[in-house]
Amino acid sequence: MQTVCRVDTLYHYLFGGEESLPGILSRGLLPLSAFPESERWQRLEPIYRSLYAQWAEPLLGPFRNSGVYFTPIDFRMLPGTFLHQRTRIAVPLSTIPADRAILTWELDGERTILPLSREALEQAAALWTVDLVRAWFARNPRMSFYYVPQVAVFPDGAIPVQPGWVERADAGA
């Protein structure tokens, strides 16, 4: 079975298009909680705190921030999916602060939560085939990545982004 999960790169997909890209390139990827006055943070804070308590607190301790979210799933390998043609930021695993990050997914009613490491990503890659990702991605329409592998990083500041990490879909694809 073909795997679609990378073990050396994590992807941050730009759901809303490229309008946020200049800010990301200038200041890096920041948790939503870095903008405490924003309406979006005020509306979503309880959800982020709940997810942190369930997923990250057992490994990382008390609430730090809302996190920056990535996936090891390479949606370029999944034609027809919502994210196949989306601009994304391909962040090398080596640049992620592993001591502030977790890898998680849920399959068949069981949530897996692991400290972020190459070995944990290899475990996810061995499990999450093309068919499995297609079956479970966006099954929860309000939280597309709830079931499939995602990485939550809770940095002290921004996660710097290099311009060369930005990947746009091929115009002809």
Foldseek 3Di string as FASTA:
>chain_A
DAFQFDLFKWKQFDLPACPCVVVCQVFNAWAPVVCVPDPVCVVCVVVLLVCCVPAPCVQQNHDQGSFGKTGRGQCCVPPPDPRVQTKIFIGTPVLAPQSQKWKWAADPRDIDIGRDDSVVSVVLRVPHHNVNLVVQQCPPVVDRRHHHIMMTGRDPGHRHGDPVRIDGGDPVD
